[in-house]
Protein backbone atom coordinates (compact mmCIF):
# COMPACT_ATOMS: atom_id res chain seq x y z
CA UNK A 1 20.64 -61.56 47.34
CA UNK A 2 18.58 -62.23 44.10
CA UNK A 3 19.98 -64.47 41.36
CA UNK A 4 19.28 -64.02 37.93
CA UNK A 5 16.65 -66.85 37.88
CA UNK A 6 14.93 -64.88 41.03
CA UNK A 7 14.59 -61.41 39.06
CA UNK A 8 13.08 -63.46 35.95
CA UNK A 9 10.84 -64.64 38.39
CA UNK A 10 9.87 -61.49 39.25
CA UNK A 11 9.86 -60.04 36.19
CA UNK A 12 7.49 -62.53 34.59
CA UNK A 13 4.94 -61.67 37.72
CA UNK A 14 4.59 -58.09 36.81
CA UNK A 15 7.09 -56.40 39.23
CA UNK A 16 10.71 -55.19 39.70
CA UNK A 17 13.92 -55.75 42.09
CA UNK A 18 13.13 -52.32 43.56
CA UNK A 19 9.57 -53.25 45.27
CA UNK A 20 10.09 -56.18 46.31
CA UNK A 21 13.41 -54.84 48.03
CA UNK A 22 10.99 -52.30 49.57
CA UNK A 23 8.64 -54.81 50.60
CA UNK A 24 11.94 -56.50 52.58
CA UNK A 25 13.00 -53.88 53.97
CA UNK A 26 9.52 -52.99 55.40
CA UNK A 27 9.67 -56.40 56.70
CA UNK A 28 13.05 -55.18 58.75
CA UNK A 29 11.66 -51.79 59.91
CA UNK A 30 8.03 -52.48 60.41
CA UNK A 31 4.86 -50.41 59.35
CA UNK A 32 4.44 -47.30 61.77
CA UNK A 33 0.83 -47.57 63.79
CA UNK A 34 -1.57 -44.56 63.01
CA UNK A 35 -2.22 -42.26 65.32
CA UNK A 36 -6.23 -41.64 66.32
CA UNK A 37 -7.10 -38.47 67.61
CA UNK A 38 -10.69 -39.75 68.63
CA UNK A 39 -13.41 -42.00 67.63
CA UNK A 40 -15.83 -40.10 65.00
CA UNK A 41 -19.88 -39.93 66.27
CA UNK A 42 -23.29 -38.65 65.06
CA UNK A 43 -22.19 -35.11 64.51
CA UNK A 44 -19.07 -35.25 64.95
CA UNK A 45 -17.91 -36.65 61.44
CA UNK A 46 -20.78 -39.35 61.10
CA UNK A 47 -23.93 -37.61 59.24
CA UNK A 48 -27.11 -38.77 60.26
CA UNK A 49 -29.75 -39.15 58.08
CA UNK A 50 -33.51 -38.67 59.30
CA UNK A 51 -36.28 -39.72 57.08
CA UNK A 52 -36.60 -36.35 55.20
CA UNK A 53 -33.04 -36.26 54.44
CA UNK A 54 -33.11 -39.81 53.27
CA UNK A 55 -35.79 -39.26 50.94
CA UNK A 56 -34.10 -35.87 49.80
CA UNK A 57 -30.62 -37.42 48.70
CA UNK A 58 -32.53 -40.48 47.18
CA UNK A 59 -34.23 -37.76 45.19
CA UNK A 60 -31.38 -36.19 44.27
CA UNK A 61 -29.08 -39.57 43.31
CA UNK A 62 -32.78 -40.77 41.06
CA UNK A 63 -32.30 -37.17 39.30
CA UNK A 64 -28.53 -37.22 38.53
CA UNK A 65 -28.98 -41.29 36.77
CA UNK A 66 -31.96 -39.59 34.73
CA UNK A 67 -29.82 -37.14 33.17
CA UNK A 68 -26.93 -39.49 32.60
CA UNK A 69 -24.45 -40.68 35.45
CA UNK A 70 -22.85 -43.93 34.65
CA UNK A 71 -23.04 -45.75 38.24
CA UNK A 72 -21.33 -49.21 38.58
CA UNK A 73 -21.36 -52.06 41.52
CA UNK A 74 -17.68 -53.04 42.33
CA UNK A 75 -17.69 -56.92 44.36
CA UNK A 76 -14.57 -58.50 46.00
CA UNK A 77 -15.90 -62.06 45.45
CA UNK A 78 -12.56 -63.97 45.51
CA UNK A 79 -12.69 -65.41 49.25
CA UNK A 80 -12.96 -68.84 49.67
CA UNK A 81 -15.59 -70.19 51.78
CA UNK A 82 -13.37 -72.89 53.39
CA UNK A 83 -13.09 -70.52 56.38
CA UNK A 84 -17.41 -70.60 56.67
CA UNK A 85 -17.32 -74.44 57.33
CA UNK A 86 -14.11 -74.49 60.31
CA UNK A 87 -16.16 -76.20 62.60
CA UNK A 88 -17.88 -78.57 59.90
CA UNK A 89 -13.99 -79.62 58.86
CA UNK A 90 -13.04 -79.91 62.25
CA UNK A 91 -16.12 -82.48 62.86
CA UNK A 92 -15.00 -84.52 59.98
CA UNK A 93 -11.67 -85.32 60.85
CA UNK A 94 -12.91 -86.11 64.71
CA UNK A 95 -15.28 -88.45 62.81
CA UNK A 96 -12.59 -89.81 60.82
CA UNK A 97 -9.76 -90.52 63.53
CA UNK A 98 -10.83 -90.62 66.97
CA UNK A 99 -15.03 -89.81 67.93
CA UNK A 100 -18.20 -90.85 66.52
CA UNK A 101 -20.45 -88.70 65.34
CA UNK A 102 -22.68 -88.83 68.56
CA UNK A 103 -20.02 -87.88 70.16
CA UNK A 104 -18.73 -85.07 67.80
CA UNK A 105 -22.51 -83.86 68.19
CA UNK A 106 -22.83 -83.75 72.19
CA UNK A 107 -19.80 -81.66 72.13
CA UNK A 108 -19.85 -79.44 69.42
CA UNK A 109 -22.80 -76.83 69.41
CA UNK A 110 -22.61 -75.78 65.79
CA UNK A 111 -22.27 -78.93 64.21
CA UNK A 112 -24.92 -79.84 66.24
CA UNK A 113 -27.29 -76.84 65.00
CA UNK A 114 -25.96 -77.47 61.42
CA UNK A 115 -27.21 -81.11 61.54
CA UNK A 116 -30.55 -80.03 63.98
CA UNK A 117 -31.54 -77.47 61.55
CA UNK A 118 -30.06 -78.62 58.24
CA UNK A 119 -33.46 -78.91 56.17
CA UNK A 120 -33.50 -74.88 56.17
CA UNK A 121 -30.01 -74.47 54.14
CA UNK A 122 -30.74 -73.42 50.37
CA UNK A 123 -28.46 -76.27 49.51
CA UNK A 124 -30.30 -78.94 51.45
CA UNK A 125 -32.45 -80.46 48.65
CA UNK A 126 -29.29 -80.76 46.50
CA UNK A 127 -26.97 -82.09 49.20
CA UNK A 128 -29.79 -84.66 49.94
CA UNK A 129 -30.13 -85.69 45.98
CA UNK A 130 -26.35 -86.24 45.99
CA UNK A 131 -25.84 -88.34 49.18
CA UNK A 132 -29.25 -90.18 47.46
CA UNK A 133 -27.87 -90.96 44.11
CA UNK A 134 -24.89 -92.54 46.01
CA UNK A 135 -27.32 -94.45 47.71
CA UNK A 136 -26.12 -93.32 51.25
CA UNK A 137 -27.79 -93.03 54.45
CA UNK A 138 -28.35 -89.34 55.06
CA UNK A 139 -26.34 -89.54 58.26
CA UNK A 140 -24.58 -86.85 59.91
CA UNK A 141 -21.05 -87.63 59.00
CA UNK A 142 -22.47 -88.21 54.95
CA UNK A 143 -24.03 -84.69 55.32
CA UNK A 144 -20.58 -82.92 56.34
CA UNK A 145 -18.93 -85.23 54.07
CA UNK A 146 -20.92 -84.30 51.27
CA UNK A 147 -21.30 -80.76 51.70
CA UNK A 148 -17.67 -80.17 51.89
CA UNK A 149 -16.07 -82.89 49.72
CA UNK A 150 -15.68 -83.25 45.54
CA UNK A 151 -17.84 -86.34 45.98
CA UNK A 152 -20.59 -83.98 46.76
CA UNK A 153 -21.27 -80.17 46.49
CA UNK A 154 -17.50 -79.47 47.22
CA UNK A 155 -18.58 -76.34 49.31
CA UNK A 156 -15.32 -76.47 50.72
CA UNK A 157 -13.47 -75.78 48.00
CA UNK A 158 -16.13 -73.16 46.07
CA UNK A 159 -16.14 -69.18 47.15
CA UNK A 160 -18.57 -67.79 48.98
CA UNK A 161 -20.37 -66.09 45.78
CA UNK A 162 -21.34 -69.55 44.00
CA UNK A 163 -22.68 -71.44 47.30
CA UNK A 164 -27.02 -71.40 47.50
CA UNK A 165 -27.55 -69.20 50.63
CA UNK A 166 -31.11 -68.37 50.17
CA UNK A 167 -34.34 -70.13 49.51
CA UNK A 168 -37.43 -68.70 46.81
CA UNK A 169 -40.74 -70.19 45.47
CA UNK A 170 -38.95 -72.12 42.74
CA UNK A 171 -35.23 -71.42 42.52
CA UNK A 172 -32.07 -71.02 45.24
CA UNK A 173 -29.90 -67.79 44.69
CA UNK A 174 -26.16 -67.59 45.46
CA UNK A 175 -24.71 -64.25 47.00
CA UNK A 176 -23.46 -63.45 42.98
CA UNK A 177 -27.19 -63.96 42.03
CA UNK A 178 -28.58 -61.74 44.96
CA UNK A 179 -25.59 -59.03 44.21
CA UNK A 180 -27.14 -58.91 40.48
CA UNK A 181 -30.92 -58.96 42.10
CA UNK A 182 -29.58 -55.96 44.17
CA UNK A 183 -27.85 -53.65 41.92
CA UNK A 184 -30.77 -53.89 39.42
CA UNK A 185 -32.32 -51.64 42.17
CA UNK A 186 -29.64 -49.32 42.49
CA UNK A 187 -27.26 -49.11 40.23
CA UNK A 188 -29.13 -49.25 36.79
CA UNK A 189 -28.38 -46.18 34.69
CA UNK A 190 -31.07 -44.36 32.57
CA UNK A 191 -30.87 -46.78 29.40
CA UNK A 192 -31.80 -49.81 31.98
CA UNK A 193 -28.01 -50.71 31.85
CA UNK A 194 -26.54 -52.48 35.21
CA UNK A 195 -22.87 -52.65 35.60
CA UNK A 196 -21.26 -54.83 37.88
CA UNK A 197 -17.86 -56.01 38.59
CA UNK A 198 -16.74 -58.82 40.38
CA UNK A 199 -12.81 -59.80 41.66
CA UNK A 200 -12.62 -63.05 41.54
CA UNK A 201 -9.87 -65.90 42.06
CA UNK A 202 -8.60 -67.77 38.79
CA UNK A 203 -9.37 -71.18 39.40
CA UNK A 204 -13.06 -70.04 40.02
CA UNK A 205 -13.54 -67.32 37.25
CA UNK A 206 -14.86 -70.20 34.84
CA UNK A 207 -17.29 -71.05 36.91
CA UNK A 208 -19.05 -67.35 37.61
CA UNK A 209 -18.81 -67.24 33.99
CA UNK A 210 -20.91 -70.08 33.51
CA UNK A 211 -23.57 -69.38 36.26
CA UNK A 212 -24.10 -65.90 34.46
CA UNK A 213 -24.21 -67.63 31.26
CA UNK A 214 -27.38 -69.95 32.86
CA UNK A 215 -28.90 -66.73 34.76
CA UNK A 216 -28.18 -63.54 32.63
CA UNK A 217 -31.32 -63.72 30.39
CA UNK A 218 -33.88 -65.24 33.07
CA UNK A 219 -32.63 -61.99 35.16
CA UNK A 220 -32.49 -59.90 32.81
CA UNK A 221 -36.33 -60.57 31.85
CA UNK A 222 -37.72 -60.79 35.64
CA UNK A 223 -36.19 -57.40 36.40
CA UNK A 224 -36.66 -55.41 33.39
CA UNK A 225 -33.46 -54.62 33.24
CA UNK A 226 -29.74 -55.47 30.93
CA UNK A 227 -26.73 -56.53 32.78
CA UNK A 228 -23.01 -56.22 31.49
CA UNK A 229 -20.88 -58.22 33.80
CA UNK A 230 -17.27 -58.07 34.19
CA UNK A 231 -14.31 -60.20 35.82
CA UNK A 232 -10.84 -59.46 37.14
CA UNK A 233 -8.45 -60.98 38.94
CA UNK A 234 -6.30 -59.74 41.78
CA UNK A 235 -3.11 -59.04 39.56
CA UNK A 236 0.24 -61.26 40.58
CA UNK A 237 2.33 -58.02 40.13
CA UNK A 238 0.41 -57.36 43.47
CA UNK A 239 1.41 -60.12 45.43
CA UNK A 240 4.08 -59.50 47.95
CA UNK A 241 7.67 -61.92 48.56
CA UNK A 242 7.55 -63.72 51.66
CA UNK A 243 10.43 -64.05 53.98
CA UNK A 244 11.97 -66.03 56.94
CA UNK A 245 12.06 -64.91 60.60
CA UNK A 246 15.51 -63.64 59.50
CA UNK A 247 14.03 -61.17 57.47
CA UNK A 248 15.64 -63.50 54.01
CA UNK A 249 13.17 -64.01 51.31
CA UNK A 250 11.43 -67.58 51.69
CA UNK A 251 12.09 -70.06 49.33
CA UNK A 252 10.13 -73.02 48.34
CA UNK A 253 11.60 -76.92 48.04
CA UNK A 254 12.59 -75.97 44.92
CA UNK A 255 14.75 -73.02 45.51
CA UNK A 256 11.97 -70.52 43.91
CA UNK A 257 11.43 -67.08 45.68
CA UNK A 258 7.65 -67.32 47.76
CA UNK A 259 4.77 -64.67 46.63
CA UNK A 260 1.65 -64.19 48.70
CA UNK A 261 -1.72 -62.35 48.03
CA UNK A 262 -1.29 -59.12 49.27
CA UNK A 263 -4.89 -58.79 50.68
CA UNK A 264 -7.96 -56.76 49.41
CA UNK A 265 -5.90 -53.69 49.36
CA UNK A 266 -4.41 -54.90 45.85
CA UNK A 267 -7.83 -54.60 44.54
CA UNK A 268 -7.03 -50.81 44.25
CA UNK A 269 -5.87 -51.59 41.01
CA UNK A 270 -8.43 -53.34 39.86
CA UNK A 271 -11.20 -50.80 40.61
CA UNK A 272 -8.30 -47.78 39.32
CA UNK A 273 -9.00 -49.89 35.74
CA UNK A 274 -12.68 -49.24 35.91
CA UNK A 275 -14.56 -46.21 34.55
CA UNK A 276 -17.92 -45.33 35.90
CA UNK A 277 -19.33 -41.87 37.75
CA UNK A 278 -20.77 -43.33 40.33
CA UNK A 279 -18.83 -47.16 42.27
CA UNK A 280 -20.64 -48.78 44.89
CA UNK A 281 -18.54 -51.26 46.77
CA UNK A 282 -19.88 -53.95 48.95
CA UNK A 283 -18.69 -57.31 50.13
CA UNK A 284 -19.90 -60.94 48.51
CA UNK A 285 -21.38 -62.12 51.54
CA UNK A 286 -23.27 -59.39 52.82
CA UNK A 287 -26.70 -59.92 50.83
CA UNK A 288 -30.24 -60.64 52.07
CA UNK A 289 -33.07 -62.12 49.89
CA UNK A 290 -35.48 -59.77 48.35
CA UNK A 291 -38.13 -59.61 50.91
CA UNK A 292 -35.52 -57.39 53.24
CA UNK A 293 -33.65 -55.71 50.28
CA UNK A 294 -35.70 -52.33 50.76
CA UNK A 295 -33.32 -50.85 53.47
CA UNK A 296 -30.57 -51.30 51.94
CA UNK A 297 -31.44 -49.96 48.63
CA UNK A 298 -32.63 -47.07 50.26
CA UNK A 299 -29.15 -46.41 51.77
CA UNK A 300 -27.25 -47.06 48.72
CA UNK A 301 -29.13 -44.53 46.82
CA UNK A 302 -28.98 -42.11 49.70
CA UNK A 303 -25.39 -42.20 50.27
CA UNK A 304 -25.10 -41.69 46.83
CA UNK A 305 -27.36 -38.55 47.31
CA UNK A 306 -24.88 -37.46 49.88
CA UNK A 307 -21.82 -38.09 47.67
CA UNK A 308 -23.15 -35.90 45.29
CA UNK A 309 -24.52 -33.22 47.15
CA UNK A 310 -21.07 -32.43 48.30
CA UNK A 311 -18.79 -33.21 44.56
CA UNK A 312 -21.18 -30.85 43.29
CA UNK A 313 -19.98 -28.22 45.98
CA UNK A 314 -16.49 -29.51 45.49
CA UNK A 315 -16.20 -29.40 41.40
CA UNK A 316 -16.98 -25.46 42.06
CA UNK A 317 -14.15 -25.16 44.28
CA UNK A 318 -11.55 -27.61 41.85
CA UNK A 319 -12.97 -25.29 38.58
CA UNK A 320 -11.60 -22.32 40.42
CA UNK A 321 -8.63 -23.69 41.93
CA UNK A 322 -7.84 -25.28 38.99
CA UNK A 323 -8.06 -22.56 36.35
CA UNK A 324 -7.41 -19.42 38.19
CA UNK A 325 -3.93 -18.27 38.98
CA UNK A 326 -3.76 -17.24 42.66
CA UNK A 327 -3.45 -13.89 41.96
CA UNK A 328 -7.38 -13.81 40.38
CA UNK A 329 -8.81 -15.48 43.52
CA UNK A 330 -9.59 -13.36 46.52
CA UNK A 331 -9.05 -13.89 50.03
CA UNK A 332 -12.88 -14.21 50.59
CA UNK A 333 -13.23 -17.30 48.27
CA UNK A 334 -10.08 -19.08 49.33
CA UNK A 335 -11.51 -18.82 53.02
CA UNK A 336 -14.76 -20.26 52.20
CA UNK A 337 -12.85 -22.97 50.28
CA UNK A 338 -10.76 -23.53 53.28
CA UNK A 339 -13.79 -23.48 55.93
CA UNK A 340 -15.41 -26.15 53.82
CA UNK A 341 -12.95 -28.53 53.67
CA UNK A 342 -11.88 -28.29 57.46
CA UNK A 343 -15.87 -28.21 58.58
CA UNK A 344 -17.61 -30.21 55.62
CA UNK A 345 -15.12 -32.54 54.14
CA UNK A 346 -13.42 -33.29 57.72
CA UNK A 347 -10.00 -32.68 56.99
CA UNK A 348 -8.03 -30.10 59.40
CA UNK A 349 -4.82 -28.58 58.96
CA UNK A 350 -1.84 -28.79 61.24
CA UNK A 351 -1.09 -25.63 63.20
CA UNK A 352 1.55 -24.88 61.10
CA UNK A 353 -0.68 -25.20 58.00
CA UNK A 354 -2.99 -22.25 59.38
CA UNK A 355 -1.37 -20.59 56.46
CA UNK A 356 -1.06 -16.41 56.24
CA UNK A 357 0.43 -16.24 53.18
CA UNK A 358 -2.64 -16.55 49.75
CA UNK A 359 0.09 -18.62 47.81
CA UNK A 360 0.67 -21.15 50.56
CA UNK A 361 -3.16 -21.40 51.24
CA UNK A 362 -3.76 -21.71 47.55
CA UNK A 363 -1.58 -24.74 47.07
CA UNK A 364 -3.11 -26.49 50.05
CA UNK A 365 -6.69 -26.31 49.04
CA UNK A 366 -5.52 -27.24 45.36
CA UNK A 367 -4.15 -30.44 46.74
CA UNK A 368 -6.59 -31.10 49.29
CA UNK A 369 -9.71 -30.84 46.72
CA UNK A 370 -8.11 -32.53 43.71
CA UNK A 371 -8.44 -35.88 44.99
CA UNK A 372 -11.09 -39.02 45.11
CA UNK A 373 -14.25 -38.73 47.16
CA UNK A 374 -15.83 -41.60 49.07
CA UNK A 375 -19.08 -41.76 51.25
CA UNK A 376 -18.68 -44.86 53.68
CA UNK A 377 -22.03 -46.07 55.46
CA UNK A 378 -21.09 -46.71 59.34
CA UNK A 379 -23.22 -48.76 61.41
CA UNK A 380 -23.58 -48.91 65.19
CA UNK A 381 -21.43 -50.91 67.08
CA UNK A 382 -23.00 -53.66 68.69
CA UNK A 383 -19.80 -56.14 69.05
CA UNK A 384 -19.23 -56.94 65.23
CA UNK A 385 -15.52 -57.46 64.28
CA UNK A 386 -13.73 -55.11 62.22
CA UNK A 387 -12.53 -51.37 61.57
CA UNK A 388 -14.29 -48.44 62.56
CA UNK A 389 -14.58 -44.67 61.97
CA UNK A 390 -11.81 -42.36 63.66
CA UNK A 391 -10.31 -39.06 63.19
CA UNK A 392 -6.92 -39.87 62.31
CA UNK A 393 -3.29 -37.76 61.91
CA UNK A 394 -1.78 -38.33 58.83
CA UNK A 395 2.06 -38.28 57.44
CA UNK A 396 1.36 -34.89 56.42
CA UNK A 397 0.31 -33.69 60.25
CA UNK A 398 -3.57 -33.16 58.67
CA UNK A 399 -6.34 -34.81 60.98
CA UNK A 400 -9.14 -36.49 58.61
CA UNK A 401 -11.56 -39.45 58.94
CA UNK A 402 -10.52 -42.85 58.26
CA UNK A 403 -11.40 -46.09 58.55
CA UNK A 404 -9.25 -47.90 60.74
CA UNK A 405 -8.36 -51.27 61.92
CA UNK A 406 -7.45 -52.70 65.55
CA UNK A 407 -3.94 -53.92 63.73
CA UNK A 408 -3.12 -50.28 62.97
CA UNK A 409 -3.28 -48.88 66.50
CA UNK A 410 -0.14 -49.40 69.24
CA UNK A 411 -1.17 -52.48 70.93
CA UNK A 412 0.93 -51.03 74.33
CA UNK A 413 -0.74 -47.66 73.97
CA UNK A 414 -3.29 -47.44 76.46
CA UNK A 415 -4.17 -43.74 75.27
CA UNK A 416 -4.42 -45.18 71.96
CA UNK A 417 -7.06 -48.42 72.65
CA UNK A 418 -8.93 -46.44 75.04
CA UNK A 419 -9.80 -44.22 72.19
CA UNK A 420 -10.59 -47.46 70.07
CA UNK A 421 -12.46 -49.18 72.81
CA UNK A 422 -14.98 -45.92 72.88
CA UNK A 423 -15.71 -46.24 68.91
CA UNK A 424 -19.83 -46.11 68.88
CA UNK A 425 -19.93 -47.10 65.03
CA UNK A 426 -17.88 -50.23 62.98
CA UNK A 427 -17.32 -50.44 59.22
CA UNK A 428 -19.29 -52.54 57.21
CA UNK A 429 -17.87 -51.97 53.98
CA UNK A 430 -20.76 -50.03 52.47
CA UNK A 431 -19.05 -47.27 50.50
CA UNK A 432 -20.09 -45.09 47.40
CA UNK A 433 -17.00 -43.82 45.32
CA UNK A 434 -16.80 -40.34 42.90
CA UNK A 435 -13.78 -40.93 41.28
CA UNK A 436 -13.79 -38.15 38.69
CA UNK A 437 -12.78 -34.87 39.02
CA UNK A 438 -15.25 -31.59 37.90
CA UNK A 439 -13.93 -32.44 34.17
CA UNK A 440 -15.32 -35.88 34.29
CA UNK A 441 -11.21 -37.15 34.03
CA UNK A 442 -10.88 -40.16 36.16
CA UNK A 443 -8.35 -40.42 38.85
CA UNK A 444 -5.07 -42.32 39.29
CA UNK A 445 -6.23 -43.96 42.11
CA UNK A 446 -2.66 -45.87 42.95
CA UNK A 447 -1.78 -41.83 43.89
CA UNK A 448 -4.07 -41.81 46.66
CA UNK A 449 -2.80 -44.43 48.82
CA UNK A 450 -0.88 -44.69 52.07
CA UNK A 451 2.22 -47.16 51.61
CA UNK A 452 3.12 -46.92 56.08
CA UNK A 453 -0.35 -48.79 56.52
CA UNK A 454 0.32 -52.29 55.67
CA UNK A 455 0.43 -54.99 57.95
CA UNK A 456 2.93 -57.82 58.68
CA UNK A 457 1.56 -61.35 59.95
CA UNK A 458 3.01 -64.59 61.07
CA UNK A 459 2.27 -68.04 58.70
CA UNK A 460 3.74 -71.10 57.72
CA UNK A 461 4.35 -73.15 54.35
CA UNK A 462 5.45 -77.17 54.57
CA UNK A 463 5.92 -76.87 58.24
CA UNK A 464 8.46 -73.78 58.19
CA UNK A 465 7.55 -70.49 60.10
CA UNK A 466 7.41 -66.85 57.16
CA UNK A 467 6.31 -63.79 57.57
CA UNK A 468 3.70 -62.27 55.48
CA UNK A 469 3.15 -58.84 54.25
CA UNK A 470 -0.20 -57.32 53.20
CA UNK A 471 -0.82 -53.84 51.49
CA UNK A 472 -2.68 -51.25 52.70
CA UNK A 473 -6.35 -52.24 53.07
CA UNK A 474 -8.80 -51.12 50.30
CA UNK A 475 -10.98 -49.05 52.43
CA UNK A 476 -8.40 -48.38 54.93
CA UNK A 477 -5.04 -47.61 53.70
CA UNK A 478 -5.67 -47.61 49.61
CA UNK A 479 -8.08 -44.81 50.20
CA UNK A 480 -6.07 -42.75 52.88
CA UNK A 481 -5.59 -39.86 51.23
CA UNK A 482 -9.13 -39.18 49.58
CA UNK A 483 -12.11 -37.04 51.07
CA UNK A 484 -13.64 -38.80 53.14
CA UNK A 485 -17.30 -38.70 54.54
CA UNK A 486 -19.04 -40.93 57.03
CA UNK A 487 -22.70 -41.68 56.91
CA UNK A 488 -24.83 -43.83 59.71
CA UNK A 489 -27.03 -47.22 58.10
CA UNK A 490 -28.77 -49.24 59.63
CA UNK A 491 -27.64 -52.26 61.03
CA UNK A 492 -30.09 -54.42 59.23
CA UNK A 493 -28.49 -53.09 56.11
CA UNK A 494 -25.22 -55.02 57.72
CA UNK A 495 -25.75 -59.14 57.48
CA UNK A 496 -22.39 -61.10 56.71
CA UNK A 497 -22.03 -64.58 56.30
CA UNK A 498 -19.09 -66.03 58.31
CA UNK A 499 -19.92 -69.39 59.22
CA UNK A 500 -22.63 -71.55 57.54
CA UNK A 501 -24.94 -71.45 60.89
CA UNK A 502 -25.32 -67.40 59.97
CA UNK A 503 -27.58 -68.93 57.18
CA UNK A 504 -29.64 -70.27 59.64
CA UNK A 505 -30.33 -66.56 61.06
CA UNK A 506 -33.77 -65.24 60.24
CA UNK A 507 -31.87 -62.60 57.74
CA UNK A 508 -31.03 -64.99 55.30
CA UNK A 509 -34.35 -67.51 55.78
């Protein structure tokens, strides 16, 4: 199937023939659907924090920071902003081919809102100046054209992280800057250092670095912190091969193999390269202006406090299970550890795993306790798209809490679809992770993924149909074998920008 030239191409990408053959086999066999038992809910898998618990967990986290733990904030920021402007791209094409601007405005409500309220956008003044520089009138067509194209602001080709989102008295802020300002409030260590890591696309890293060079010192002075900012790119070795509809390798016009990015699940490798005691994860577009940041900051600290509370108990069990021989552990300790695992860490054994033999129980507990820990914020379901919190069956027949995407569920199973429809919460991508064991040693996160949770989609290239494969998602399959806790967070902590007009919402003004 593969020529020597193919093998060299694969090798140069940091991959190997065995991995590529495994990917092709998955195209042929498909991925199994995940079996969900029921939706997680408050009191049944989702922790609810009243004001007393909220403040207690905030104080727990702050005390741990003072005592020396090192936090870090991880932000996936490689996504292009082009999808934000879908309606504007379509309007521009219609203006250039078949319709007048007046007709487009009459027929397209999203474009009309954009034009009618354009002065509210943080990028408006810069856009206006760019049009004026070229001595053109500020018409609807020019506004859209100069916003998206290279002759103007080039927003149609930039990543979300570099767009101007919010207006302040003397400055306009990008999401990149908002994450710095936000991180300074909860990801600061005892020495005042704030560590943030952004995953970016290769073609945009220089632009991020240039912006950082320009703003770093002013933000450090304003916020009384020191920033340590790092960047990484999705590794070519995590790209997946594309195939045609017959599951044969898809080839470019020059005969070379086509590889495609493996989705955000590939970022587990980037996350695995980082060293920190606590890692916060949040998407690039989920930011708000300073006046609305308090709730986000409080709940980030509180989620970290919840993690530290459970981690303290986990470390005690880890130490006993790792440093003592099964003979030295009494039944009472093992029963206590089994109870905590099932009722606090939400991992229920299969019936066959209610071990009566001491050594069997010991090995089961040792495996389940020696895993990374994450606390995932969950928002009440108000119709937003995205995955949600469920009790799901794992490959080893245990049942545990999992973040589940709709694509993982059998669309032909009425029973499974009914369970999905009863979800009370959804996943806003608001995670706090503990990636070290009781000795302070880092886990190899690549050992805790579930390779069977990938996804196949139909795409096209140069007019030809193909099939693409995504790796297990970062917060579902890539973290499938972590110990997982869910905690409810308020809707005001979730303010993503999926279309440009979302910036007109009150939360972004």
